[in-house]
């Protein structure tokens, strides 16, 4: 993930209401920094790990739809 992508993802995180709420509830600046660092790390890891999935979905939408359909059918049984 390049710098621009990281910046974009962090902007998405910073606009998230739950993230803002967690920061507002922090008792002090140190807690705020810890929450922010943890959330940023997790969010960027999730975003980075989802990039290959997005590529697979774009390249093989029919196969992904079929796999999802089969998975949902198994859950509903």
PDB file of N, CA and C in Angstrom:
ATOM      1  N   UNK A   1       0.866  -1.166   0.000  1.00  0.00           N
ATOM      2  CA  UNK A   1       0.000   0.000   0.000  1.00  0.00           C
ATOM      3  C   UNK A   1       0.912   1.229   0.000  1.00  0.00           C
ATOM      4  N   UNK A   2       0.630   2.149  -0.912  1.00  0.00           N
ATOM      5  CA  UNK A   2       1.457   3.354  -0.988  1.00  0.00           C
ATOM      6  C   UNK A   2       0.953   4.444  -0.037  1.00  0.00           C
ATOM      7  N   UNK A   3       1.705   5.532   0.034  1.00  0.00           N
ATOM      8  CA  UNK A   3       1.378   6.620   0.967  1.00  0.00           C
ATOM      9  C   UNK A   3       0.000   7.224   0.704  1.00  0.00           C
ATOM     10  N   UNK A   4      -0.327   7.393  -0.557  1.00  0.00           N
ATOM     11  CA  UNK A   4      -1.624   7.993  -0.912  1.00  0.00           C
ATOM     12  C   UNK A   4      -2.786   7.095  -0.463  1.00  0.00           C
ATOM     13  N   UNK A   5      -2.633   5.795  -0.661  1.00  0.00           N
ATOM     14  CA  UNK A   5      -3.682   4.862  -0.232  1.00  0.00           C
ATOM     15  C   UNK A   5      -3.823   4.876   1.286  1.00  0.00           C
ATOM     16  N   UNK A   6      -2.688   4.872   1.994  1.00  0.00           N
ATOM     17  CA  UNK A   6      -2.740   4.927   3.455  1.00  0.00           C
ATOM     18  C   UNK A   6      -3.439   6.200   3.917  1.00  0.00           C
ATOM     19  N   UNK A   7      -3.088   7.309   3.283  1.00  0.00           N
ATOM     20  CA  UNK A   7      -3.697   8.590   3.653  1.00  0.00           C
ATOM     21  C   UNK A   7      -5.206   8.543   3.439  1.00  0.00           C
ATOM     22  N   UNK A   8      -5.629   7.987   2.311  1.00  0.00           N
ATOM     23  CA  UNK A   8      -7.057   7.891   2.004  1.00  0.00           C
ATOM     24  C   UNK A   8      -7.778   7.024   3.049  1.00  0.00           C
ATOM     25  N   UNK A   9      -7.205   5.864   3.367  1.00  0.00           N
ATOM     26  CA  UNK A   9      -7.826   4.978   4.343  1.00  0.00           C
ATOM     27  C   UNK A   9      -7.888   5.616   5.726  1.00  0.00           C
ATOM     28  N   UNK A  10      -6.840   6.346   6.102  1.00  0.00           N
ATOM     29  CA  UNK A  10      -6.845   6.996   7.416  1.00  0.00           C
ATOM     30  C   UNK A  10      -7.888   8.106   7.469  1.00  0.00           C
ATOM     31  N   UNK A  11      -8.134   8.766   6.359  1.00  0.00           N
ATOM     32  CA  UNK A  11      -9.197   9.779   6.315  1.00  0.00           C
ATOM     33  C   UNK A  11     -10.563   9.125   6.522  1.00  0.00           C
ATOM     34  N   UNK A  12     -10.742   7.950   5.935  1.00  0.00           N
ATOM     35  CA  UNK A  12     -11.992   7.210   6.129  1.00  0.00           C
ATOM     36  C   UNK A  12     -12.153   6.858   7.608  1.00  0.00           C
ATOM     37  N   UNK A  13     -11.081   6.369   8.214  1.00  0.00           N
ATOM     38  CA  UNK A  13     -11.135   6.018   9.640  1.00  0.00           C
ATOM     39  C   UNK A  13     -11.466   7.240  10.481  1.00  0.00           C
ATOM     40  N   UNK A  14     -10.815   8.345  10.202  1.00  0.00           N
ATOM     41  CA  UNK A  14     -11.012   9.552  11.013  1.00  0.00           C
ATOM     42  C   UNK A  14     -12.420  10.123  10.886  1.00  0.00           C
ATOM     43  N   UNK A  15     -13.130   9.763   9.851  1.00  0.00           N
ATOM     44  CA  UNK A  15     -14.503  10.232   9.695  1.00  0.00           C
ATOM     45  C   UNK A  15     -15.518   9.268  10.326  1.00  0.00           C
ATOM     46  N   UNK A  16     -15.026   8.141  10.828  1.00  0.00           N
ATOM     47  CA  UNK A  16     -15.899   7.130  11.417  1.00  0.00           C
ATOM     48  C   UNK A  16     -16.399   7.577  12.788  1.00  0.00           C
ATOM     49  N   UNK A  17     -17.710   7.507  12.992  1.00  0.00           N
ATOM     50  CA  UNK A  17     -18.316   7.964  14.247  1.00  0.00           C
ATOM     51  C   UNK A  17     -17.871   7.139  15.457  1.00  0.00           C
ATOM     52  N   UNK A  18     -17.728   5.842  15.293  1.00  0.00           N
ATOM     53  CA  UNK A  18     -17.305   5.001  16.409  1.00  0.00           C
ATOM     54  C   UNK A  18     -15.869   5.336  16.825  1.00  0.00           C
ATOM     55  N   UNK A  19     -15.022   5.583  15.855  1.00  0.00           N
ATOM     56  CA  UNK A  19     -13.629   5.992  16.122  1.00  0.00           C
ATOM     57  C   UNK A  19     -13.614   7.317  16.883  1.00  0.00           C
ATOM     58  N   UNK A  20     -14.389   8.272  16.412  1.00  0.00           N
ATOM     59  CA  UNK A  20     -14.456   9.576  17.082  1.00  0.00           C
ATOM     60  C   UNK A  20     -14.981   9.427  18.506  1.00  0.00           C
ATOM     61  N   UNK A  21     -15.992   8.586  18.674  1.00  0.00           N
ATOM     62  CA  UNK A  21     -16.573   8.353  19.988  1.00  0.00           C
ATOM     63  C   UNK A  21     -15.528   7.773  20.940  1.00  0.00           C
ATOM     64  N   UNK A  22     -14.756   6.796  20.452  1.00  0.00           N
ATOM     65  CA  UNK A  22     -13.721   6.180  21.291  1.00  0.00           C
ATOM     66  C   UNK A  22     -12.679   7.203  21.714  1.00  0.00           C
ATOM     67  N   UNK A  23     -12.296   8.071  20.801  1.00  0.00           N
ATOM     68  CA  UNK A  23     -11.315   9.112  21.141  1.00  0.00           C
ATOM     69  C   UNK A  23     -11.897  10.106  22.139  1.00  0.00           C
ATOM     70  N   UNK A  24     -13.153  10.453  21.963  1.00  0.00           N
ATOM     71  CA  UNK A  24     -13.805  11.391  22.885  1.00  0.00           C
ATOM     72  C   UNK A  24     -13.918  10.814  24.289  1.00  0.00           C
ATOM     73  N   UNK A  25     -14.055   9.506  24.397  1.00  0.00           N
ATOM     74  CA  UNK A  25     -14.213   8.858  25.702  1.00  0.00           C
ATOM     75  C   UNK A  25     -12.883   8.634  26.420  1.00  0.00           C
ATOM     76  N   UNK A  26     -11.782   8.823  25.731  1.00  0.00           N
ATOM     77  CA  UNK A  26     -10.468   8.617  26.350  1.00  0.00           C
ATOM     78  C   UNK A  26     -10.278   9.607  27.497  1.00  0.00           C
ATOM     79  N   UNK A  27      -9.643   9.119  28.548  1.00  0.00           N
ATOM     80  CA  UNK A  27      -9.475   9.939  29.743  1.00  0.00           C
ATOM     81  C   UNK A  27      -8.376  10.987  29.620  1.00  0.00           C
ATOM     82  N   UNK A  28      -7.383  10.711  28.759  1.00  0.00           N
ATOM     83  CA  UNK A  28      -6.278  11.661  28.612  1.00  0.00           C
ATOM     84  C   UNK A  28      -5.625  11.508  27.234  1.00  0.00           C
ATOM     85  N   UNK A  29      -4.642  12.357  26.968  1.00  0.00           N
ATOM     86  CA  UNK A  29      -3.980  12.344  25.662  1.00  0.00           C
ATOM     87  C   UNK A  29      -3.237  11.038  25.398  1.00  0.00           C
ATOM     88  N   UNK A  30      -2.662  10.462  26.433  1.00  0.00           N
ATOM     89  CA  UNK A  30      -1.932   9.204  26.253  1.00  0.00           C
ATOM     90  C   UNK A  30      -2.885   8.101  25.805  1.00  0.00           C
ATOM     91  N   UNK A  31      -4.036   8.007  26.447  1.00  0.00           N
ATOM     92  CA  UNK A  31      -5.038   7.022  26.038  1.00  0.00           C
ATOM     93  C   UNK A  31      -5.513   7.292  24.615  1.00  0.00           C
ATOM     94  N   UNK A  32      -5.717   8.563  24.298  1.00  0.00           N
ATOM     95  CA  UNK A  32      -6.146   8.942  22.953  1.00  0.00           C
ATOM     96  C   UNK A  32      -5.127   8.488  21.913  1.00  0.00           C
ATOM     97  N   UNK A  33      -3.852   8.684  22.202  1.00  0.00           N
ATOM     98  CA  UNK A  33      -2.785   8.268  21.276  1.00  0.00           C
ATOM     99  C   UNK A  33      -2.768   6.748  21.111  1.00  0.00           C
ATOM    100  N   UNK A  34      -2.945   6.031  22.220  1.00  0.00           N
ATOM    101  CA  UNK A  34      -2.955   4.561  22.148  1.00  0.00           C
ATOM    102  C   UNK A  34      -4.136   4.057  21.333  1.00  0.00           C
ATOM    103  N   UNK A  35      -5.295   4.621  21.582  1.00  0.00           N
ATOM    104  CA  UNK A  35      -6.494   4.226  20.830  1.00  0.00           C
ATOM    105  C   UNK A  35      -6.298   4.519  19.351  1.00  0.00           C
ATOM    106  N   UNK A  36      -5.797   5.696  19.053  1.00  0.00           N
ATOM    107  CA  UNK A  36      -5.587   6.101  17.669  1.00  0.00           C
ATOM    108  C   UNK A  36      -4.583   5.188  16.972  1.00  0.00           C
ATOM    109  N   UNK A  37      -3.462   4.924  17.629  1.00  0.00           N
ATOM    110  CA  UNK A  37      -2.435   4.074  17.022  1.00  0.00           C
ATOM    111  C   UNK A  37      -2.961   2.665  16.784  1.00  0.00           C
ATOM    112  N   UNK A  38      -3.679   2.124  17.767  1.00  0.00           N
ATOM    113  CA  UNK A  38      -4.240   0.781  17.634  1.00  0.00           C
ATOM    114  C   UNK A  38      -5.255   0.725  16.498  1.00  0.00           C
ATOM    115  N   UNK A  39      -6.172   1.672  16.479  1.00  0.00           N
ATOM    116  CA  UNK A  39      -7.218   1.695  15.447  1.00  0.00           C
ATOM    117  C   UNK A  39      -6.618   1.868  14.056  1.00  0.00           C
ATOM    118  N   UNK A  40      -5.644   2.765  13.935  1.00  0.00           N
ATOM    119  CA  UNK A  40      -5.002   2.984  12.632  1.00  0.00           C
ATOM    120  C   UNK A  40      -4.307   1.718  12.155  1.00  0.00           C
ATOM    121  N   UNK A  41      -3.588   1.058  13.048  1.00  0.00           N
ATOM    122  CA  UNK A  41      -2.871  -0.157  12.684  1.00  0.00           C
ATOM    123  C   UNK A  41      -3.837  -1.237  12.215  1.00  0.00           C
ATOM    124  N   UNK A  42      -4.874  -1.487  12.979  1.00  0.00           N
ATOM    125  CA  UNK A  42      -5.854  -2.519  12.626  1.00  0.00           C
ATOM    126  C   UNK A  42      -6.574  -2.163  11.328  1.00  0.00           C
ATOM    127  N   UNK A  43      -7.003  -0.911  11.207  1.00  0.00           N
ATOM    128  CA  UNK A  43      -7.744  -0.482  10.026  1.00  0.00           C
ATOM    129  C   UNK A  43      -6.890  -0.610   8.763  1.00  0.00           C
ATOM    130  N   UNK A  44      -5.630  -0.197   8.844  1.00  0.00           N
ATOM    131  CA  UNK A  44      -4.755  -0.296   7.676  1.00  0.00           C
ATOM    132  C   UNK A  44      -4.467  -1.755   7.322  1.00  0.00           C
ATOM    133  N   UNK A  45      -4.326  -2.611   8.329  1.00  0.00           N
ATOM    134  CA  UNK A  45      -4.120  -4.033   8.051  1.00  0.00           C
ATOM    135  C   UNK A  45      -5.339  -4.636   7.363  1.00  0.00           C
ATOM    136  N   UNK A  46      -6.522  -4.297   7.851  1.00  0.00           N
ATOM    137  CA  UNK A  46      -7.745  -4.796   7.219  1.00  0.00           C
ATOM    138  C   UNK A  46      -7.856  -4.306   5.777  1.00  0.00           C
ATOM    139  N   UNK A  47      -7.578  -3.037   5.581  1.00  0.00           N
ATOM    140  CA  UNK A  47      -7.656  -2.471   4.232  1.00  0.00           C
ATOM    141  C   UNK A  47      -6.641  -3.139   3.311  1.00  0.00           C
ATOM    142  N   UNK A  48      -5.429  -3.300   3.798  1.00  0.00           N
ATOM    143  CA  UNK A  48      -4.385  -3.907   2.972  1.00  0.00           C
ATOM    144  C   UNK A  48      -4.700  -5.361   2.649  1.00  0.00           C
ATOM    145  N   UNK A  49      -5.244  -6.079   3.612  1.00  0.00           N
ATOM    146  CA  UNK A  49      -5.580  -7.484   3.379  1.00  0.00           C
ATOM    147  C   UNK A  49      -6.807  -7.658   2.487  1.00  0.00           C
ATOM    148  N   UNK A  50      -7.616  -6.625   2.365  1.00  0.00           N
ATOM    149  CA  UNK A  50      -8.799  -6.740   1.514  1.00  0.00           C
ATOM    150  C   UNK A  50      -8.512  -6.390   0.052  1.00  0.00           C
ATOM    151  N   UNK A  51      -7.376  -5.785  -0.221  1.00  0.00           N
ATOM    152  CA  UNK A  51      -7.036  -5.408  -1.606  1.00  0.00           C
ATOM    153  C   UNK A  51      -6.979  -6.632  -2.524  1.00  0.00           C
ATOM    154  N   UNK A  52      -6.311  -7.730  -2.135  1.00  0.00           N
ATOM    155  CA  UNK A  52      -6.332  -8.909  -3.025  1.00  0.00           C
ATOM    156  C   UNK A  52      -7.739  -9.468  -3.227  1.00  0.00           C
ATOM    157  N   UNK A  53      -8.561  -9.429  -2.186  1.00  0.00           N
ATOM    158  CA  UNK A  53      -9.940  -9.903  -2.309  1.00  0.00           C
ATOM    159  C   UNK A  53     -10.715  -9.060  -3.319  1.00  0.00           C
ATOM    160  N   UNK A  54     -10.514  -7.759  -3.258  1.00  0.00           N
ATOM    161  CA  UNK A  54     -11.176  -6.859  -4.214  1.00  0.00           C
ATOM    162  C   UNK A  54     -10.764  -7.217  -5.646  1.00  0.00           C
ATOM    163  N   UNK A  55      -9.494  -7.499  -5.840  1.00  0.00           N
ATOM    164  CA  UNK A  55      -8.989  -7.846  -7.170  1.00  0.00           C
ATOM    165  C   UNK A  55      -9.631  -9.144  -7.667  1.00  0.00           C
ATOM    166  N   UNK A  56      -9.713 -10.131  -6.782  1.00  0.00           N
ATOM    167  CA  UNK A  56     -10.340 -11.405  -7.150  1.00  0.00           C
ATOM    168  C   UNK A  56     -11.800 -11.178  -7.518  1.00  0.00           C
ATOM    169  N   UNK A  57     -12.487 -10.360  -6.737  1.00  0.00           N
ATOM    170  CA  UNK A  57     -13.903 -10.093  -7.008  1.00  0.00           C
ATOM    171  C   UNK A  57     -14.090  -9.364  -8.336  1.00  0.00           C
ATOM    172  N   UNK A  58     -13.188  -8.450  -8.653  1.00  0.00           N
ATOM    173  CA  UNK A  58     -13.294  -7.715  -9.916  1.00  0.00           C
ATOM    174  C   UNK A  58     -12.990  -8.607 -11.109  1.00  0.00           C
ATOM    175  N   UNK A  59     -12.034  -9.522 -10.946  1.00  0.00           N
ATOM    176  CA  UNK A  59     -11.626 -10.383 -12.054  1.00  0.00           C
ATOM    177  C   UNK A  59     -12.557 -11.579 -12.259  1.00  0.00           C
ATOM    178  N   UNK A  60     -13.244 -12.016 -11.196  1.00  0.00           N
ATOM    179  CA  UNK A  60     -14.081 -13.211 -11.276  1.00  0.00           C
ATOM    180  C   UNK A  60     -15.420 -13.013 -10.571  1.00  0.00           C
ATOM    181  N   UNK A  61     -16.205 -12.033 -10.980  1.00  0.00           N
ATOM    182  CA  UNK A  61     -17.449 -11.762 -10.250  1.00  0.00           C
ATOM    183  C   UNK A  61     -18.436 -12.933 -10.253  1.00  0.00           C
ATOM    184  N   UNK A  62     -18.490 -13.682 -11.346  1.00  0.00           N
ATOM    185  CA  UNK A  62     -19.425 -14.799 -11.410  1.00  0.00           C
ATOM    186  C   UNK A  62     -19.045 -15.900 -10.424  1.00  0.00           C
ATOM    187  N   UNK A  63     -17.760 -16.209 -10.350  1.00  0.00           N
ATOM    188  CA  UNK A  63     -17.294 -17.257  -9.433  1.00  0.00           C
ATOM    189  C   UNK A  63     -17.506 -16.839  -7.986  1.00  0.00           C
ATOM    190  N   UNK A  64     -17.251 -15.570  -7.688  1.00  0.00           N
ATOM    191  CA  UNK A  64     -17.451 -15.072  -6.327  1.00  0.00           C
ATOM    192  C   UNK A  64     -18.933 -15.122  -5.962  1.00  0.00           C
ATOM    193  N   UNK A  65     -19.790 -14.741  -6.896  1.00  0.00           N
ATOM    194  CA  UNK A  65     -21.232 -14.780  -6.650  1.00  0.00           C
ATOM    195  C   UNK A  65     -21.698 -16.207  -6.417  1.00  0.00           C
ATOM    196  N   UNK A  66     -21.200 -17.136  -7.186  1.00  0.00           N
ATOM    197  CA  UNK A  66     -21.571 -18.542  -7.015  1.00  0.00           C
ATOM    198  C   UNK A  66     -21.100 -19.070  -5.662  1.00  0.00           C
ATOM    199  N   UNK A  67     -19.869 -18.738  -5.291  1.00  0.00           N
ATOM    200  CA  UNK A  67     -19.342 -19.171  -3.993  1.00  0.00           C
ATOM    201  C   UNK A  67     -20.164 -18.571  -2.854  1.00  0.00           C
ATOM    202  N   UNK A  68     -20.536 -17.316  -2.975  1.00  0.00           N
ATOM    203  CA  UNK A  68     -21.348 -16.654  -1.939  1.00  0.00           C
ATOM    204  C   UNK A  68     -22.720 -17.308  -1.855  1.00  0.00           C
ATOM    205  N   UNK A  69     -23.295 -17.610  -3.004  1.00  0.00           N
ATOM    206  CA  UNK A  69     -24.615 -18.257  -3.044  1.00  0.00           C
ATOM    207  C   UNK A  69     -24.558 -19.611  -2.344  1.00  0.00           C
ATOM    208  N   UNK A  70     -23.534 -20.394  -2.632  1.00  0.00           N
ATOM    209  CA  UNK A  70     -23.382 -21.708  -2.005  1.00  0.00           C
ATOM    210  C   UNK A  70     -23.158 -21.582  -0.504  1.00  0.00           C
ATOM    211  N   UNK A  71     -22.386 -20.600  -0.098  1.00  0.00           N
ATOM    212  CA  UNK A  71     -22.126 -20.386   1.320  1.00  0.00           C
ATOM    213  C   UNK A  71     -23.400 -19.992   2.056  1.00  0.00           C
ATOM    214  N   UNK A  72     -24.165 -19.091   1.466  1.00  0.00           N
ATOM    215  CA  UNK A  72     -25.413 -18.648   2.082  1.00  0.00           C
ATOM    216  C   UNK A  72     -26.404 -19.809   2.165  1.00  0.00           C
ATOM    217  N   UNK A  73     -26.452 -20.640   1.139  1.00  0.00           N
ATOM    218  CA  UNK A  73     -27.350 -21.800   1.164  1.00  0.00           C
ATOM    219  C   UNK A  73     -27.003 -22.740   2.319  1.00  0.00           C
ATOM    220  N   UNK A  74     -25.715 -22.946   2.580  1.00  0.00           N
ATOM    221  CA  UNK A  74     -25.290 -23.812   3.667  1.00  0.00           C
ATOM    222  C   UNK A  74     -25.654 -23.216   5.024  1.00  0.00           C
ATOM    223  N   UNK A  75     -25.562 -21.905   5.144  1.00  0.00           N
ATOM    224  CA  UNK A  75     -25.883 -21.240   6.408  1.00  0.00           C
ATOM    225  C   UNK A  75     -27.371 -21.351   6.716  1.00  0.00           C
ATOM    226  N   UNK A  76     -28.190 -21.229   5.695  1.00  0.00           N
ATOM    227  CA  UNK A  76     -29.653 -21.241   5.878  1.00  0.00           C
ATOM    228  C   UNK A  76     -30.219 -22.629   6.149  1.00  0.00           C
ATOM    229  N   UNK A  77     -29.429 -23.677   6.041  1.00  0.00           N
ATOM    230  CA  UNK A  77     -29.938 -25.041   6.274  1.00  0.00           C
ATOM    231  C   UNK A  77     -30.010 -25.356   7.725  1.00  0.00           C
TER     232      UNK A  77
END
